[in-house]
Amino acid sequence: MSKKVGSGGKPTRTASEVVESPQANSSTRAVVAATPRHLLQLEGMDRVTLTRLLRRATMHATKAEAGENAEQTLSGVTVANLFFEDSTRTRTSFSMAAFNLGARVLEFGATTSSVSKGETLIDTARNVEAMGVGVLVVRAKQSGAAEMISKDAGASIVNAGDGRHEHPTQGLLDMLTAAQALGRVETLDFSDLRLAIVGDAVSSRVARSAIHGFTTLGAKVMCIGPSAMAPKSLETLGCTVERDLDAVLPDVDAVMMLRVQFERHGDASGAKASPLIPSIREYRVGYALTPDRESMMKPSAIVMHPGPMNRGLEIDAAVADGERSVILQQARNGVFARMAALEWVAAAPQIAK
C-alpha cells in the first residue's frame, strides 16, 4: 500500500504507524524514545491501544478518588503546552496532568510569543524543543498543525485540538466519562451503546474524535442537526446522520451537545450570527436540549457537553446543571485522560508495554 504524500513530497505517516511507534525501556520512569511517539488522532487507533489508554485513565481516576497521589512516571520529563488557540479546560487539565506525574511544565501563549511577530508554528516548536522539552502539547487553529509539527520533531507531540480535524484527548475523556456513568468501566464494551451528537458537527474536532473513538469500542453514533451542520458526508467517518432530534432522543444512552462555532463560520464579532442557520430562534426550536426534550430521554441516559457551553442556546441551564448531566465529570476526567496520554507518548513503561 502506498503512503500518503504531504506537502514537500515527504510521505505522511498514517495513524496506525503513529500508534506502532517503538516502546520504552524497562526503567521505572518515562524515557522519550529516540523515535518519538505521537498522539495526533483517534482515527486509525486500534481497540487494544484505545482500551489500554482508557484503563490507565481509569486507574488514575480511582487513585484520585481514594486520595492517593499518582506515581511520578514523568519525573525528569519536560512538557511544554504550546497553545496557538485559546483554551481553558484543555490547557489547565494538561498542566495538571503533567504536574501530577512529576513532569516539569512550561506554559506558552501565542499572544505573548514570537508567533505574534510572524514566527511560524514549526519554528516555534523547534526552538522550544531545542531547549530540552520531551513532550509538546499543541493546539492550533489550522487542521493538521500537530501532524505537520510532528514530521521532523525529536519530541513527542500530543494534539490538543487542531482546527476542525480532531481532539483526541477530548475523545478519551468523553469515552471514560460515558463508561463510568453507564457502568461499562470493567468491559469498555460499547457494542449496545447509542450516542447522539447534536449540533455543529461539521465544525467540531470533538465530534470527529468521538465518532472514531466510540465506534472503535462498538457504539452506534448519530450526528443530528440541520444539513449545513450535519451533512450526510459525515457518514464517511462511521456515523449516521439524522435530522429529527425528537425521534432519536427516546432511544439513546448519551447525548453530546455541541455549541455553534460561530468563529469558524466567519463571525469574529461575537454577534452570534451564522450563515449555516436561519436564526438562533429557529435553531433552538429544532435542536436545543430543553427540559421538555430531556424528559423524552430514558431514565439512565446521560447528557454531555465538551464545553464551552452557550447556555440558553444549544442547552438550557436546567439541563446542563441537572441530574443527568456529566459535564463537570467530563472536566474532571480530562486530567486523568491526559495523564494517560502523556505517559503513553513519553513511553512510561507502566502503560507502554
Protein backbone atom coordinates (compact mmCIF):
# COMPACT_ATOMS: atom_id res chain seq x y z
CA MET A 1 0.00 0.00 0.00
CA SER A 2 1.42 3.40 -0.94
CA LYS A 3 1.89 6.06 1.71
CA LYS A 4 0.11 9.39 1.63
CA VAL A 5 2.38 12.19 0.48
CA GLY A 6 2.15 15.52 2.21
CA SER A 7 3.39 18.95 1.23
CA GLY A 8 7.04 18.99 0.23
CA GLY A 9 6.81 15.48 -1.20
CA LYS A 10 7.51 13.74 2.11
CA PRO A 11 5.45 10.65 2.99
CA THR A 12 2.85 11.28 5.68
CA ARG A 13 2.65 8.69 8.45
CA THR A 14 -0.71 7.01 8.84
CA ALA A 15 -2.48 6.80 12.19
CA SER A 16 -1.56 3.13 12.55
CA GLU A 17 2.12 3.95 12.06
CA VAL A 18 1.90 6.58 14.78
CA VAL A 19 0.32 4.02 17.12
CA GLU A 20 3.04 1.46 16.48
CA SER A 21 5.99 3.66 17.47
CA PRO A 22 8.82 1.98 19.44
CA GLN A 23 8.22 1.06 23.06
CA ALA A 24 10.06 2.26 26.16
CA ASN A 25 12.86 0.57 28.02
CA SER A 26 12.23 -1.24 31.29
CA SER A 27 13.10 1.59 33.69
CA THR A 28 10.51 2.86 36.13
CA ARG A 29 10.47 6.33 34.64
CA ALA A 30 9.47 7.58 31.25
CA VAL A 31 12.18 7.96 28.64
CA VAL A 32 11.11 9.74 25.48
CA ALA A 33 12.10 7.34 22.70
CA ALA A 34 14.71 8.09 20.04
CA THR A 35 11.88 7.75 17.54
CA PRO A 36 9.14 9.68 19.32
CA ARG A 37 5.59 8.50 19.70
CA HIS A 38 2.81 10.97 18.92
CA LEU A 39 -0.91 11.14 19.73
CA LEU A 40 -2.36 13.03 16.77
CA GLN A 41 -5.80 11.48 16.26
CA LEU A 42 -8.09 8.64 17.26
CA GLU A 43 -8.84 7.73 13.67
CA GLY A 44 -6.96 4.51 12.97
CA MET A 45 -6.13 3.77 16.60
CA ASP A 46 -6.74 0.09 17.30
CA ARG A 47 -9.04 -1.11 20.05
CA VAL A 48 -6.20 -2.62 22.12
CA THR A 49 -4.35 0.70 22.34
CA LEU A 50 -7.53 2.65 22.99
CA THR A 51 -8.52 0.27 25.77
CA ARG A 52 -5.03 0.48 27.30
CA LEU A 53 -5.25 4.27 27.46
CA LEU A 54 -8.73 4.19 28.99
CA ARG A 55 -7.76 1.61 31.61
CA ARG A 56 -4.77 3.71 32.61
CA ALA A 57 -7.00 6.80 32.86
CA THR A 58 -9.47 4.80 34.96
CA MET A 59 -6.66 3.80 37.31
CA HIS A 60 -5.68 7.45 37.75
CA ALA A 61 -9.30 8.38 38.46
CA THR A 62 -9.64 5.61 41.03
CA LYS A 63 -6.46 6.62 42.85
CA ALA A 64 -7.52 10.27 42.92
CA GLU A 65 -10.92 9.30 44.33
CA ALA A 66 -9.15 7.40 47.10
CA GLY A 67 -6.99 10.43 47.87
CA GLU A 68 -3.79 8.77 46.65
CA ASN A 69 -1.05 10.59 44.76
CA ALA A 70 -0.14 9.47 41.27
CA GLU A 71 3.12 7.66 40.61
CA GLN A 72 5.75 10.10 39.35
CA THR A 73 6.13 8.40 35.98
CA LEU A 74 7.19 11.57 34.16
CA SER A 75 9.84 12.69 36.63
CA GLY A 76 12.65 14.25 34.61
CA VAL A 77 10.45 14.91 31.57
CA THR A 78 9.64 18.47 30.47
CA VAL A 79 6.20 19.07 28.95
CA ALA A 80 5.50 22.30 27.05
CA ASN A 81 1.96 23.48 26.38
CA LEU A 82 2.09 25.24 23.00
CA PHE A 83 -1.36 26.77 22.62
CA PHE A 84 -1.81 28.85 19.48
CA GLU A 85 -5.57 28.98 20.15
CA ASP A 86 -7.48 29.92 23.29
CA SER A 87 -8.34 27.23 25.83
CA THR A 88 -9.46 26.86 29.43
CA ARG A 89 -10.27 23.21 30.20
CA THR A 90 -7.75 21.57 27.88
CA ARG A 91 -4.79 23.72 28.79
CA THR A 92 -5.44 23.61 32.53
CA SER A 93 -6.00 19.86 32.58
CA PHE A 94 -2.83 19.15 30.58
CA SER A 95 -0.88 21.28 33.06
CA MET A 96 -2.42 19.43 35.99
CA ALA A 97 -1.86 16.06 34.33
CA ALA A 98 1.84 16.73 33.76
CA PHE A 99 2.29 18.17 37.26
CA ASN A 100 0.55 15.16 38.85
CA LEU A 101 3.00 12.82 37.10
CA GLY A 102 6.08 14.74 38.23
CA ALA A 103 6.93 16.47 34.95
CA ARG A 104 8.28 19.97 34.58
CA VAL A 105 5.65 22.12 32.85
CA LEU A 106 6.27 25.07 30.54
CA GLU A 107 3.35 27.30 29.54
CA PHE A 108 3.30 29.03 26.17
CA GLY A 109 0.77 31.52 24.83
CA ALA A 110 0.74 32.67 21.22
CA THR A 111 -0.12 36.28 22.04
CA THR A 112 2.98 36.70 24.21
CA SER A 113 5.38 34.84 21.92
CA SER A 114 7.27 35.42 18.69
CA VAL A 115 4.30 33.94 16.81
CA SER A 116 2.73 37.39 17.18
CA LYS A 117 5.82 38.72 15.36
CA GLY A 118 5.42 36.37 12.41
CA GLU A 119 7.33 33.27 13.51
CA THR A 120 5.89 30.04 12.10
CA LEU A 121 4.40 27.28 14.25
CA ILE A 122 7.14 24.89 13.16
CA ASP A 123 9.96 27.30 14.02
CA THR A 124 8.39 27.99 17.39
CA ALA A 125 8.07 24.27 18.13
CA ARG A 126 11.66 23.60 17.02
CA ASN A 127 13.03 26.33 19.25
CA VAL A 128 11.08 25.14 22.28
CA GLU A 129 12.15 21.54 21.61
CA ALA A 130 15.79 22.66 21.35
CA MET A 131 15.62 23.77 24.98
CA GLY A 132 15.26 20.14 26.07
CA VAL A 133 11.50 19.63 26.00
CA GLY A 134 10.41 16.00 25.71
CA VAL A 135 6.68 16.42 25.02
CA LEU A 136 4.96 19.22 23.12
CA VAL A 137 1.21 19.61 23.65
CA VAL A 138 -0.03 21.55 20.62
CA ARG A 139 -3.29 23.36 19.97
CA ALA A 140 -3.77 25.34 16.76
CA LYS A 141 -6.48 26.80 14.54
CA GLN A 142 -5.12 25.01 11.48
CA SER A 143 -6.23 21.45 10.79
CA GLY A 144 -3.17 19.21 10.52
CA ALA A 145 -0.91 21.54 12.51
CA ALA A 146 0.07 18.93 15.09
CA GLU A 147 0.92 16.36 12.42
CA MET A 148 2.93 18.96 10.49
CA ILE A 149 4.98 19.76 13.60
CA SER A 150 5.46 16.05 14.32
CA LYS A 151 7.09 15.23 10.97
CA ASP A 152 10.59 16.33 11.96
CA ALA A 153 10.14 16.54 15.72
CA GLY A 154 12.51 14.88 18.15
CA ALA A 155 9.97 15.41 20.92
CA SER A 156 6.66 13.61 21.26
CA ILE A 157 3.63 15.58 20.06
CA VAL A 158 0.16 15.46 21.60
CA ASN A 159 -2.60 17.05 19.57
CA ALA A 160 -4.69 19.24 21.89
CA GLY A 161 -7.04 20.18 19.07
CA ASP A 162 -6.25 21.23 15.50
CA GLY A 163 -8.85 23.21 13.60
CA ARG A 164 -11.79 21.03 12.62
CA HIS A 165 -9.68 17.87 12.43
CA GLU A 166 -9.52 16.09 15.80
CA HIS A 167 -9.19 16.48 19.56
CA PRO A 168 -8.04 13.00 20.61
CA THR A 169 -7.70 13.53 24.37
CA GLN A 170 -11.22 15.00 24.45
CA GLY A 171 -12.37 11.79 22.82
CA LEU A 172 -10.60 9.78 25.52
CA LEU A 173 -12.17 11.72 28.37
CA ASP A 174 -15.61 11.51 26.77
CA MET A 175 -15.33 7.72 26.48
CA LEU A 176 -14.07 7.46 30.05
CA THR A 177 -16.98 9.55 31.32
CA ALA A 178 -19.55 7.52 29.38
CA ALA A 179 -18.03 4.27 30.64
CA GLN A 180 -18.21 5.47 34.25
CA ALA A 181 -21.72 6.88 34.03
CA LEU A 182 -23.19 3.93 32.13
CA GLY A 183 -21.49 1.14 34.09
CA ARG A 184 -19.05 -0.01 31.41
CA VAL A 185 -15.70 0.67 33.06
CA GLU A 186 -14.87 -3.01 33.52
CA THR A 187 -15.65 -4.16 29.99
CA LEU A 188 -15.23 -0.97 27.93
CA ASP A 189 -17.72 -2.66 25.61
CA PHE A 190 -19.92 -0.08 23.89
CA SER A 191 -21.49 -2.53 21.44
CA ASP A 192 -25.07 -1.72 22.51
CA LEU A 193 -24.48 1.96 23.30
CA ARG A 194 -26.15 4.66 21.24
CA LEU A 195 -24.57 8.13 21.25
CA ALA A 196 -26.28 11.18 19.75
CA ILE A 197 -24.01 14.10 18.84
CA VAL A 198 -26.23 17.14 18.40
CA GLY A 199 -25.36 20.41 16.72
CA ASP A 200 -22.46 21.84 14.75
CA ALA A 201 -20.68 18.57 13.99
CA VAL A 202 -19.20 19.78 10.70
CA SER A 203 -17.11 22.37 12.58
CA SER A 204 -16.29 20.11 15.51
CA ARG A 205 -12.98 18.33 16.08
CA VAL A 206 -14.60 16.94 19.24
CA ALA A 207 -17.28 15.24 17.17
CA ARG A 208 -14.72 13.63 14.86
CA SER A 209 -12.69 12.19 17.73
CA ALA A 210 -15.86 10.99 19.45
CA ILE A 211 -17.05 9.25 16.30
CA HIS A 212 -13.73 7.45 15.81
CA GLY A 213 -13.30 6.51 19.46
CA PHE A 214 -16.83 5.43 20.34
CA THR A 215 -17.28 3.39 17.16
CA THR A 216 -13.95 1.63 17.75
CA LEU A 217 -15.41 0.41 21.05
CA GLY A 218 -18.57 -0.72 19.24
CA ALA A 219 -21.02 2.14 19.79
CA LYS A 220 -23.54 3.39 17.26
CA VAL A 221 -23.02 7.14 16.79
CA MET A 222 -25.55 9.51 15.25
CA CYS A 223 -24.93 13.14 14.29
CA ILE A 224 -28.08 15.22 14.45
CA GLY A 225 -28.54 18.75 13.18
CA PRO A 226 -29.54 20.89 10.21
CA SER A 227 -27.99 19.83 6.93
CA ALA A 228 -25.39 22.61 6.94
CA MET A 229 -24.10 21.49 10.35
CA ALA A 230 -24.59 17.75 9.99
CA PRO A 231 -24.16 16.97 6.29
CA LYS A 232 -24.56 13.44 5.02
CA SER A 233 -20.85 13.44 4.16
CA LEU A 234 -20.12 12.91 7.88
CA GLU A 235 -21.27 9.32 7.41
CA THR A 236 -17.91 8.55 5.80
CA LEU A 237 -16.47 8.83 9.34
CA GLY A 238 -18.56 5.90 10.57
CA CYS A 239 -21.65 7.60 11.99
CA THR A 240 -25.18 8.03 10.71
CA VAL A 241 -26.78 11.43 10.15
CA GLU A 242 -30.30 12.27 11.31
CA ARG A 243 -32.44 15.40 11.23
CA ASP A 244 -35.20 14.77 13.79
CA LEU A 245 -33.83 15.11 17.32
CA ASP A 246 -37.16 14.32 18.97
CA ALA A 247 -37.38 10.99 17.14
CA VAL A 248 -33.91 9.94 18.29
CA LEU A 249 -33.89 11.05 21.95
CA PRO A 250 -36.00 8.23 23.47
CA ASP A 251 -33.57 5.55 22.26
CA VAL A 252 -30.13 6.97 23.04
CA ASP A 253 -27.88 6.27 26.03
CA ALA A 254 -25.89 9.50 25.80
CA VAL A 255 -26.47 12.90 24.23
CA MET A 256 -23.45 15.07 23.46
CA MET A 257 -24.46 18.66 22.80
CA LEU A 258 -22.16 20.83 20.69
CA ARG A 259 -22.01 24.59 20.65
CA VAL A 260 -22.50 26.51 17.43
CA GLN A 261 -18.94 27.50 16.48
CA PHE A 262 -19.67 30.98 15.18
CA GLU A 263 -15.96 31.81 14.97
CA ARG A 264 -15.45 29.03 12.39
CA HIS A 265 -18.35 30.35 10.32
CA GLY A 266 -16.63 33.67 9.72
CA ASP A 267 -18.20 35.59 12.62
CA ALA A 268 -15.46 37.27 14.61
CA SER A 269 -17.75 39.96 16.00
CA GLY A 270 -19.29 37.90 18.79
CA ALA A 271 -22.74 38.73 17.41
CA LYS A 272 -23.69 35.03 17.33
CA ALA A 273 -24.78 35.01 13.71
CA SER A 274 -24.06 32.17 11.32
CA PRO A 275 -24.74 31.58 7.63
CA LEU A 276 -25.36 27.91 8.49
CA ILE A 277 -28.64 28.58 10.30
CA PRO A 278 -31.56 30.95 9.57
CA SER A 279 -31.68 32.27 13.14
CA ILE A 280 -30.87 31.34 16.73
CA ARG A 281 -34.58 31.03 17.48
CA GLU A 282 -35.17 28.54 14.69
CA TYR A 283 -32.09 26.56 15.68
CA ARG A 284 -33.34 26.27 19.25
CA VAL A 285 -36.76 25.08 18.07
CA GLY A 286 -35.18 22.16 16.26
CA TYR A 287 -32.06 21.29 18.22
CA ALA A 288 -31.77 22.84 21.70
CA LEU A 289 -31.76 20.42 24.62
CA THR A 290 -34.52 21.85 26.79
CA PRO A 291 -36.15 20.35 29.91
CA ASP A 292 -39.06 19.18 27.73
CA ARG A 293 -36.70 17.34 25.42
CA GLU A 294 -34.72 15.96 28.34
CA SER A 295 -37.93 14.39 29.67
CA MET A 296 -38.12 12.31 26.48
CA MET A 297 -34.85 10.54 27.32
CA LYS A 298 -34.80 7.17 29.06
CA PRO A 299 -34.05 7.27 32.81
CA SER A 300 -30.46 6.00 32.52
CA ALA A 301 -29.40 8.31 29.67
CA ILE A 302 -26.76 10.98 30.27
CA VAL A 303 -26.11 14.50 28.96
CA MET A 304 -22.60 15.51 27.86
CA HIS A 305 -21.03 18.72 26.57
CA PRO A 306 -17.33 19.28 25.76
CA GLY A 307 -17.55 22.99 26.59
CA PRO A 308 -17.56 25.85 26.36
CA MET A 309 -21.34 25.96 26.62
CA ASN A 310 -23.64 28.59 25.21
CA ARG A 311 -26.30 28.31 27.90
CA GLY A 312 -29.71 29.14 26.55
CA LEU A 313 -28.65 28.33 23.00
CA GLU A 314 -27.82 24.64 22.43
CA ILE A 315 -28.54 23.62 26.03
CA ASP A 316 -30.70 25.10 28.78
CA ALA A 317 -29.20 25.76 32.20
CA ALA A 318 -31.66 23.43 33.91
CA VAL A 319 -30.39 20.54 31.77
CA ALA A 320 -26.71 21.46 31.98
CA ASP A 321 -26.93 21.55 35.77
CA GLY A 322 -29.43 18.70 36.12
CA GLU A 323 -29.12 15.16 37.44
CA ARG A 324 -28.39 13.63 34.03
CA SER A 325 -25.52 16.00 33.34
CA VAL A 326 -21.98 14.61 33.49
CA ILE A 327 -20.41 17.81 32.18
CA LEU A 328 -18.35 18.52 35.29
CA GLN A 329 -17.35 14.86 35.40
CA GLN A 330 -16.01 15.30 31.87
CA ALA A 331 -13.90 18.24 33.04
CA ARG A 332 -12.55 16.20 35.95
CA ASN A 333 -11.80 13.22 33.73
CA GLY A 334 -9.83 15.47 31.39
CA VAL A 335 -6.97 15.38 33.88
CA PHE A 336 -6.93 11.58 34.10
CA ALA A 337 -7.27 11.00 30.35
CA ARG A 338 -4.42 13.42 29.70
CA MET A 339 -2.26 11.80 32.35
CA ALA A 340 -2.65 8.52 30.45
CA ALA A 341 -1.94 10.23 27.12
CA LEU A 342 1.22 11.91 28.38
CA GLU A 343 2.50 8.65 29.86
CA TRP A 344 1.80 6.84 26.62
CA VAL A 345 3.64 9.25 24.33
CA ALA A 346 6.53 9.58 26.79
CA ALA A 347 6.85 5.78 26.82
CA ALA A 348 6.32 5.30 30.54
CA PRO A 349 6.70 1.53 30.97
CA GLN A 350 3.58 1.31 33.15
CA ILE A 351 1.43 1.98 30.08
CA ALA A 352 3.70 1.49 27.07
CA LYS A 353 4.07 -2.28 27.29
